[in-house]
Amino acid sequence: MPFGPGGPGGPGGPGGPGGPGGRGRGPGGRGRGRGGPGGPGPFGRPGGWQQADLPSADDVAEWFAGRLPADWFIGDAQISVDREEIVVVGELPPVDGQGDSAAAAEGRISRFREQSRDERIAIATQAQERYGRKVSWGARIGERRELFTHLAVPVMTRLRQPERQVLDTLVDAGVARSRSEALAWAVALVGQHTETWLSDLRAKMAEVDKLRAQGPQL
C-alpha cells in the first residue's frame, strides 16, 4: 500500500496530517479539527468559560418564585447565582412586639431554619437537578442576615512577590490568619467598594451573552 499523499501516514491519508484520526485539522483529530468534538459552538457559549457545560440559570428567580411556599418570606426571595452555587435568602416577618431585638431576630431565624428543613431539602434537590448547581439557604430580619449553609470553593492562583507581600502584611497585622483568608478579605473589600461598577459589568455581560446566543442574521 503506498505511503505517499493519500496513503496511510501520508498527507490526507488515514493517520496522516489532515487525514481521519490524524493530528492536523482533519475530522476526528485531537481537538484541533474545525468543529471537532469539544470545540466551541457556532456562536460561543453563554457566559464564557465560566458557564461552560452548565444548564442555563436565566429563569432561576422565576422558578424559585413559583416553587417557594407563599407564606415563607415577605416578598420575593433574593437569588444570587454563580457557576457552583445558587444562594436563596428570604426576608422573614419581624417578631411581634420585639422591634429590632437582635435576640428575637436570631430566634425567629433559627425557628424558620428548623421548621423548613425538610421542604428546603426537597426544593434544593429539584433545583440542583434542574440547574446543575448546589443550593444554599439563608434568611434575614431587618438588618440581621444569616446564611444557613454555603459553599467555600477553593480558587487557585499564582502571585508574584509584591502581591504575596500584600497578603503577608495583612497576616502579620492580624487582619487575616493566613494568605488564603487575606485573599478572601481583599476580594470582599474590592466587591464592597466597586459594587456599582461590577453591577454595570454584569449587565453588559448579560447583553453580550444574549447577542452571542442569537448569532448573526444571515
C-alpha atoms as a PDB file:
ATOM      1  CA  MET A   1       0.000   0.000   0.000  1.00  0.00           C
ATOM      2  CA  PRO A   2       1.541   3.376  -0.965  1.00  0.00           C
ATOM      3  CA  PHE A   3       2.839   5.762   1.656  1.00  0.00           C
ATOM      4  CA  GLY A   4       2.624   8.883  -0.476  1.00  0.00           C
ATOM      5  CA  PRO A   5      -0.112  11.519  -0.440  1.00  0.00           C
ATOM      6  CA  GLY A   6      -3.417   9.828   0.242  1.00  0.00           C
ATOM      7  CA  GLY A   7      -1.789   6.665   1.569  1.00  0.00           C
ATOM      8  CA  PRO A   8      -1.552   5.565   5.196  1.00  0.00           C
ATOM      9  CA  GLY A   9       0.517   8.121   7.062  1.00  0.00           C
ATOM     10  CA  GLY A  10       0.669  10.414   4.061  1.00  0.00           C
ATOM     11  CA  PRO A  11      -0.924  13.857   3.825  1.00  0.00           C
ATOM     12  CA  GLY A  12      -4.664  13.348   3.658  1.00  0.00           C
ATOM     13  CA  GLY A  13      -4.383   9.617   4.250  1.00  0.00           C
ATOM     14  CA  PRO A  14      -5.582   7.673   7.299  1.00  0.00           C
ATOM     15  CA  GLY A  15      -3.462   8.619  10.294  1.00  0.00           C
ATOM     16  CA  GLY A  16      -1.582  11.256   8.344  1.00  0.00           C
ATOM     17  CA  PRO A  17      -1.662  15.033   8.777  1.00  0.00           C
ATOM     18  CA  GLY A  18      -5.110  16.214   7.816  1.00  0.00           C
ATOM     19  CA  GLY A  19      -6.460  12.696   7.470  1.00  0.00           C
ATOM     20  CA  PRO A  20      -9.021  10.885   9.596  1.00  0.00           C
ATOM     21  CA  GLY A  21      -7.536  10.272  13.044  1.00  0.00           C
ATOM     22  CA  GLY A  22      -4.511  12.433  12.323  1.00  0.00           C
ATOM     23  CA  ARG A  23      -3.148  15.248  14.437  1.00  0.00           C
ATOM     24  CA  GLY A  24      -3.941  18.015  11.989  1.00  0.00           C
ATOM     25  CA  ARG A  25      -7.197  19.624  11.062  1.00  0.00           C
ATOM     26  CA  GLY A  26      -8.952  16.567   9.707  1.00  0.00           C
ATOM     27  CA  PRO A  27     -12.115  15.047  11.188  1.00  0.00           C
ATOM     28  CA  GLY A  28     -11.505  13.070  14.345  1.00  0.00           C
ATOM     29  CA  GLY A  29      -8.207  14.812  15.112  1.00  0.00           C
ATOM     30  CA  ARG A  30      -7.089  15.588  18.640  1.00  0.00           C
ATOM     31  CA  GLY A  31      -9.289  18.599  19.252  1.00  0.00           C
ATOM     32  CA  ARG A  32      -7.679  20.755  16.547  1.00  0.00           C
ATOM     33  CA  GLY A  33     -10.130  19.958  13.798  1.00  0.00           C
ATOM     34  CA  ARG A  34     -12.630  22.606  12.905  1.00  0.00           C
ATOM     35  CA  GLY A  35     -15.903  21.765  14.598  1.00  0.00           C
ATOM     36  CA  GLY A  36     -14.357  18.652  16.163  1.00  0.00           C
ATOM     37  CA  PRO A  37     -15.523  17.185  19.461  1.00  0.00           C
ATOM     38  CA  GLY A  38     -15.018  19.588  22.354  1.00  0.00           C
ATOM     39  CA  GLY A  39     -14.824  22.647  20.129  1.00  0.00           C
ATOM     40  CA  PRO A  40     -16.973  25.709  20.778  1.00  0.00           C
ATOM     41  CA  GLY A  41     -20.385  26.015  19.207  1.00  0.00           C
ATOM     42  CA  PRO A  42     -21.011  28.263  16.224  1.00  0.00           C
ATOM     43  CA  PHE A  43     -21.503  31.386  18.305  1.00  0.00           C
ATOM     44  CA  GLY A  44     -19.689  30.501  21.542  1.00  0.00           C
ATOM     45  CA  ARG A  45     -21.069  29.614  24.948  1.00  0.00           C
ATOM     46  CA  PRO A  46     -23.224  31.974  27.005  1.00  0.00           C
ATOM     47  CA  GLY A  47     -21.279  33.273  29.974  1.00  0.00           C
ATOM     48  CA  GLY A  48     -17.893  32.380  28.549  1.00  0.00           C
ATOM     49  CA  TRP A  49     -15.836  29.551  30.010  1.00  0.00           C
ATOM     50  CA  GLN A  50     -17.240  30.212  33.483  1.00  0.00           C
ATOM     51  CA  GLN A  51     -20.613  28.759  32.453  1.00  0.00           C
ATOM     52  CA  ALA A  52     -19.319  26.055  30.101  1.00  0.00           C
ATOM     53  CA  ASP A  53     -21.362  22.849  30.155  1.00  0.00           C
ATOM     54  CA  LEU A  54     -23.769  24.208  32.790  1.00  0.00           C
ATOM     55  CA  PRO A  55     -27.541  24.431  32.354  1.00  0.00           C
ATOM     56  CA  SER A  56     -28.818  27.959  31.869  1.00  0.00           C
ATOM     57  CA  ALA A  57     -29.935  29.694  35.066  1.00  0.00           C
ATOM     58  CA  ASP A  58     -31.679  32.594  33.324  1.00  0.00           C
ATOM     59  CA  ASP A  59     -35.055  31.652  34.796  1.00  0.00           C
ATOM     60  CA  VAL A  60     -33.838  30.706  38.271  1.00  0.00           C
ATOM     61  CA  ALA A  61     -35.561  33.635  40.029  1.00  0.00           C
ATOM     62  CA  GLU A  62     -38.881  32.833  38.346  1.00  0.00           C
ATOM     63  CA  TRP A  63     -38.547  29.133  39.162  1.00  0.00           C
ATOM     64  CA  PHE A  64     -37.962  29.788  42.858  1.00  0.00           C
ATOM     65  CA  ALA A  65     -40.761  32.380  42.932  1.00  0.00           C
ATOM     66  CA  GLY A  66     -43.161  29.681  41.788  1.00  0.00           C
ATOM     67  CA  ARG A  67     -41.678  26.879  43.882  1.00  0.00           C
ATOM     68  CA  LEU A  68     -41.232  28.523  47.297  1.00  0.00           C
ATOM     69  CA  PRO A  69     -44.214  28.411  49.682  1.00  0.00           C
ATOM     70  CA  ALA A  70     -46.084  31.715  49.641  1.00  0.00           C
ATOM     71  CA  ASP A  71     -46.027  32.066  53.436  1.00  0.00           C
ATOM     72  CA  TRP A  72     -42.276  31.691  53.910  1.00  0.00           C
ATOM     73  CA  PHE A  73     -40.976  35.155  53.072  1.00  0.00           C
ATOM     74  CA  ILE A  74     -42.056  38.769  52.757  1.00  0.00           C
ATOM     75  CA  GLY A  75     -41.940  39.437  49.027  1.00  0.00           C
ATOM     76  CA  ASP A  76     -39.618  37.621  46.647  1.00  0.00           C
ATOM     77  CA  ALA A  77     -36.504  35.881  47.895  1.00  0.00           C
ATOM     78  CA  GLN A  78     -33.122  37.295  46.913  1.00  0.00           C
ATOM     79  CA  ILE A  79     -31.454  34.879  44.480  1.00  0.00           C
ATOM     80  CA  SER A  80     -27.773  35.002  43.531  1.00  0.00           C
ATOM     81  CA  VAL A  81     -26.110  32.544  41.151  1.00  0.00           C
ATOM     82  CA  ASP A  82     -22.609  31.655  40.047  1.00  0.00           C
ATOM     83  CA  ARG A  83     -21.159  28.565  38.362  1.00  0.00           C
ATOM     84  CA  GLU A  84     -21.158  26.474  41.562  1.00  0.00           C
ATOM     85  CA  GLU A  85     -23.989  27.699  43.752  1.00  0.00           C
ATOM     86  CA  ILE A  86     -27.473  29.195  43.997  1.00  0.00           C
ATOM     87  CA  VAL A  87     -27.987  31.202  47.189  1.00  0.00           C
ATOM     88  CA  VAL A  88     -31.575  31.837  48.298  1.00  0.00           C
ATOM     89  CA  VAL A  89     -32.146  34.433  51.046  1.00  0.00           C
ATOM     90  CA  GLY A  90     -35.644  35.455  52.094  1.00  0.00           C
ATOM     91  CA  GLU A  91     -36.965  38.115  54.470  1.00  0.00           C
ATOM     92  CA  LEU A  92     -38.905  36.820  57.465  1.00  0.00           C
ATOM     93  CA  PRO A  93     -41.633  38.813  59.241  1.00  0.00           C
ATOM     94  CA  PRO A  94     -40.425  40.597  62.387  1.00  0.00           C
ATOM     95  CA  VAL A  95     -41.202  39.225  65.826  1.00  0.00           C
ATOM     96  CA  ASP A  96     -44.332  40.918  67.193  1.00  0.00           C
ATOM     97  CA  GLY A  97     -43.633  43.420  69.946  1.00  0.00           C
ATOM     98  CA  GLN A  98     -39.861  42.929  69.870  1.00  0.00           C
ATOM     99  CA  GLY A  99     -38.908  45.733  67.489  1.00  0.00           C
ATOM    100  CA  ASP A 100     -35.334  45.331  66.309  1.00  0.00           C
ATOM    101  CA  SER A 101     -34.259  42.964  69.088  1.00  0.00           C
ATOM    102  CA  ALA A 102     -31.240  41.002  67.855  1.00  0.00           C
ATOM    103  CA  ALA A 103     -32.068  38.064  70.114  1.00  0.00           C
ATOM    104  CA  ALA A 104     -35.658  37.902  68.844  1.00  0.00           C
ATOM    105  CA  ALA A 105     -34.479  38.014  65.224  1.00  0.00           C
ATOM    106  CA  GLU A 106     -31.929  35.285  65.882  1.00  0.00           C
ATOM    107  CA  GLY A 107     -34.601  33.103  67.476  1.00  0.00           C
ATOM    108  CA  ARG A 108     -37.076  33.617  64.622  1.00  0.00           C
ATOM    109  CA  ILE A 109     -34.432  32.765  62.006  1.00  0.00           C
ATOM    110  CA  SER A 110     -33.416  29.655  63.953  1.00  0.00           C
ATOM    111  CA  ARG A 111     -37.050  28.517  64.183  1.00  0.00           C
ATOM    112  CA  PHE A 112     -37.580  29.007  60.460  1.00  0.00           C
ATOM    113  CA  ARG A 113     -34.423  27.033  59.712  1.00  0.00           C
ATOM    114  CA  GLU A 114     -35.589  24.043  61.760  1.00  0.00           C
ATOM    115  CA  GLN A 115     -39.233  24.081  60.659  1.00  0.00           C
ATOM    116  CA  SER A 116     -38.463  24.436  56.939  1.00  0.00           C
ATOM    117  CA  ARG A 117     -35.538  21.991  56.786  1.00  0.00           C
ATOM    118  CA  ASP A 118     -37.266  19.044  55.084  1.00  0.00           C
ATOM    119  CA  GLU A 119     -39.037  21.178  52.497  1.00  0.00           C
ATOM    120  CA  ARG A 120     -35.889  23.181  51.773  1.00  0.00           C
ATOM    121  CA  ILE A 121     -34.011  19.942  51.128  1.00  0.00           C
ATOM    122  CA  ALA A 122     -36.709  18.797  48.688  1.00  0.00           C
ATOM    123  CA  ILE A 123     -36.687  22.133  46.834  1.00  0.00           C
ATOM    124  CA  ALA A 124     -32.884  22.181  46.729  1.00  0.00           C
ATOM    125  CA  THR A 125     -32.791  18.670  45.246  1.00  0.00           C
ATOM    126  CA  GLN A 126     -35.152  19.696  42.445  1.00  0.00           C
ATOM    127  CA  ALA A 127     -33.193  22.890  41.751  1.00  0.00           C
ATOM    128  CA  GLN A 128     -29.876  21.047  41.692  1.00  0.00           C
ATOM    129  CA  GLU A 129     -31.226  18.614  39.104  1.00  0.00           C
ATOM    130  CA  ARG A 130     -32.593  21.476  37.003  1.00  0.00           C
ATOM    131  CA  TYR A 131     -29.655  23.899  37.175  1.00  0.00           C
ATOM    132  CA  GLY A 132     -26.649  21.701  37.971  1.00  0.00           C
ATOM    133  CA  ARG A 133     -25.637  23.793  40.989  1.00  0.00           C
ATOM    134  CA  LYS A 134     -25.748  23.376  44.750  1.00  0.00           C
ATOM    135  CA  VAL A 135     -28.419  25.348  46.606  1.00  0.00           C
ATOM    136  CA  SER A 136     -27.693  27.253  49.812  1.00  0.00           C
ATOM    137  CA  TRP A 137     -30.214  28.981  52.054  1.00  0.00           C
ATOM    138  CA  GLY A 138     -30.390  31.992  54.296  1.00  0.00           C
ATOM    139  CA  ALA A 139     -32.850  34.364  55.941  1.00  0.00           C
ATOM    140  CA  ARG A 140     -32.929  37.925  57.184  1.00  0.00           C
ATOM    141  CA  ILE A 141     -34.963  40.069  59.543  1.00  0.00           C
ATOM    142  CA  GLY A 142     -34.291  43.782  59.287  1.00  0.00           C
ATOM    143  CA  GLU A 143     -30.527  44.278  59.246  1.00  0.00           C
ATOM    144  CA  ARG A 144     -29.750  40.779  60.500  1.00  0.00           C
ATOM    145  CA  ARG A 145     -28.852  38.313  57.746  1.00  0.00           C
ATOM    146  CA  GLU A 146     -27.817  34.714  58.329  1.00  0.00           C
ATOM    147  CA  LEU A 147     -26.701  32.051  55.855  1.00  0.00           C
ATOM    148  CA  PHE A 148     -27.531  28.519  56.962  1.00  0.00           C
ATOM    149  CA  THR A 149     -25.148  26.707  54.637  1.00  0.00           C
ATOM    150  CA  HIS A 150     -22.963  27.866  51.791  1.00  0.00           C
ATOM    151  CA  LEU A 151     -20.072  26.625  49.692  1.00  0.00           C
ATOM    152  CA  ALA A 152     -16.480  27.671  50.251  1.00  0.00           C
ATOM    153  CA  VAL A 153     -14.870  26.862  46.907  1.00  0.00           C
ATOM    154  CA  PRO A 154     -11.064  26.787  46.578  1.00  0.00           C
ATOM    155  CA  VAL A 155      -9.734  29.104  43.872  1.00  0.00           C
ATOM    156  CA  MET A 156      -6.154  28.525  42.764  1.00  0.00           C
ATOM    157  CA  THR A 157      -3.956  31.439  41.736  1.00  0.00           C
ATOM    158  CA  ARG A 158      -0.292  32.361  41.335  1.00  0.00           C
ATOM    159  CA  LEU A 159       1.017  35.590  42.820  1.00  0.00           C
ATOM    160  CA  ARG A 160       4.274  37.438  42.299  1.00  0.00           C
ATOM    161  CA  GLN A 161       6.308  38.648  45.251  1.00  0.00           C
ATOM    162  CA  PRO A 162       4.769  42.157  45.541  1.00  0.00           C
ATOM    163  CA  GLU A 163       1.300  40.576  45.620  1.00  0.00           C
ATOM    164  CA  ARG A 164       2.370  37.967  48.171  1.00  0.00           C
ATOM    165  CA  GLN A 165       3.818  40.736  50.318  1.00  0.00           C
ATOM    166  CA  VAL A 166       0.403  42.419  50.425  1.00  0.00           C
ATOM    167  CA  LEU A 167      -1.124  39.233  51.804  1.00  0.00           C
ATOM    168  CA  ASP A 168       1.734  38.725  54.266  1.00  0.00           C
ATOM    169  CA  THR A 169       1.281  42.275  55.562  1.00  0.00           C
ATOM    170  CA  LEU A 170      -2.397  41.570  56.249  1.00  0.00           C
ATOM    171  CA  VAL A 171      -1.458  38.360  58.055  1.00  0.00           C
ATOM    172  CA  ASP A 172       1.327  39.999  60.094  1.00  0.00           C
ATOM    173  CA  ALA A 173      -1.029  42.832  61.088  1.00  0.00           C
ATOM    174  CA  GLY A 174      -3.631  40.366  62.337  1.00  0.00           C
ATOM    175  CA  VAL A 175      -6.219  41.299  59.712  1.00  0.00           C
ATOM    176  CA  ALA A 176      -6.212  37.692  58.480  1.00  0.00           C
ATOM    177  CA  ARG A 177      -4.905  34.407  59.828  1.00  0.00           C
ATOM    178  CA  SER A 178      -3.493  33.092  56.565  1.00  0.00           C
ATOM    179  CA  ARG A 179      -2.748  34.085  52.995  1.00  0.00           C
ATOM    180  CA  SER A 180      -5.941  32.424  51.781  1.00  0.00           C
ATOM    181  CA  GLU A 181      -8.007  34.329  54.348  1.00  0.00           C
ATOM    182  CA  ALA A 182      -6.214  37.553  53.420  1.00  0.00           C
ATOM    183  CA  LEU A 183      -7.026  36.966  49.757  1.00  0.00           C
ATOM    184  CA  ALA A 184     -10.699  36.390  50.574  1.00  0.00           C
ATOM    185  CA  TRP A 185     -10.683  39.599  52.658  1.00  0.00           C
ATOM    186  CA  ALA A 186      -9.187  41.558  49.758  1.00  0.00           C
ATOM    187  CA  VAL A 187     -11.761  40.201  47.301  1.00  0.00           C
ATOM    188  CA  ALA A 188     -14.596  41.125  49.685  1.00  0.00           C
ATOM    189  CA  LEU A 189     -13.168  44.637  50.043  1.00  0.00           C
ATOM    190  CA  VAL A 190     -12.969  45.103  46.278  1.00  0.00           C
ATOM    191  CA  GLY A 191     -16.545  43.859  45.896  1.00  0.00           C
ATOM    192  CA  GLN A 192     -17.766  46.260  48.583  1.00  0.00           C
ATOM    193  CA  HIS A 193     -16.169  49.333  47.021  1.00  0.00           C
ATOM    194  CA  THR A 194     -16.812  48.529  43.356  1.00  0.00           C
ATOM    195  CA  GLU A 195     -20.369  47.176  43.566  1.00  0.00           C
ATOM    196  CA  THR A 196     -21.785  49.757  41.135  1.00  0.00           C
ATOM    197  CA  TRP A 197     -19.085  49.041  38.567  1.00  0.00           C
ATOM    198  CA  LEU A 198     -19.472  45.273  38.993  1.00  0.00           C
ATOM    199  CA  SER A 199     -23.257  45.548  38.583  1.00  0.00           C
ATOM    200  CA  ASP A 200     -22.801  47.505  35.355  1.00  0.00           C
ATOM    201  CA  LEU A 201     -20.261  44.936  34.168  1.00  0.00           C
ATOM    202  CA  ARG A 202     -22.640  42.038  34.850  1.00  0.00           C
ATOM    203  CA  ALA A 203     -25.420  43.820  32.957  1.00  0.00           C
ATOM    204  CA  LYS A 204     -23.160  44.353  29.939  1.00  0.00           C
ATOM    205  CA  MET A 205     -22.034  40.721  30.045  1.00  0.00           C
ATOM    206  CA  ALA A 206     -25.666  39.606  30.017  1.00  0.00           C
ATOM    207  CA  GLU A 207     -26.254  41.669  26.861  1.00  0.00           C
ATOM    208  CA  VAL A 208     -23.176  40.127  25.218  1.00  0.00           C
ATOM    209  CA  ASP A 209     -24.416  36.637  26.103  1.00  0.00           C
ATOM    210  CA  LYS A 210     -27.797  37.425  24.560  1.00  0.00           C
ATOM    211  CA  LEU A 211     -26.234  38.674  21.328  1.00  0.00           C
ATOM    212  CA  ARG A 212     -23.881  35.700  21.182  1.00  0.00           C
ATOM    213  CA  ALA A 213     -26.775  33.278  21.582  1.00  0.00           C
ATOM    214  CA  GLN A 214     -28.743  34.998  18.797  1.00  0.00           C
ATOM    215  CA  GLY A 215     -25.862  34.827  16.352  1.00  0.00           C
ATOM    216  CA  PRO A 216     -25.555  36.857  13.148  1.00  0.00           C
ATOM    217  CA  GLN A 217     -28.626  37.381  10.984  1.00  0.00           C
ATOM    218  CA  LEU A 218     -27.509  35.852   7.679  1.00  0.00           C
END
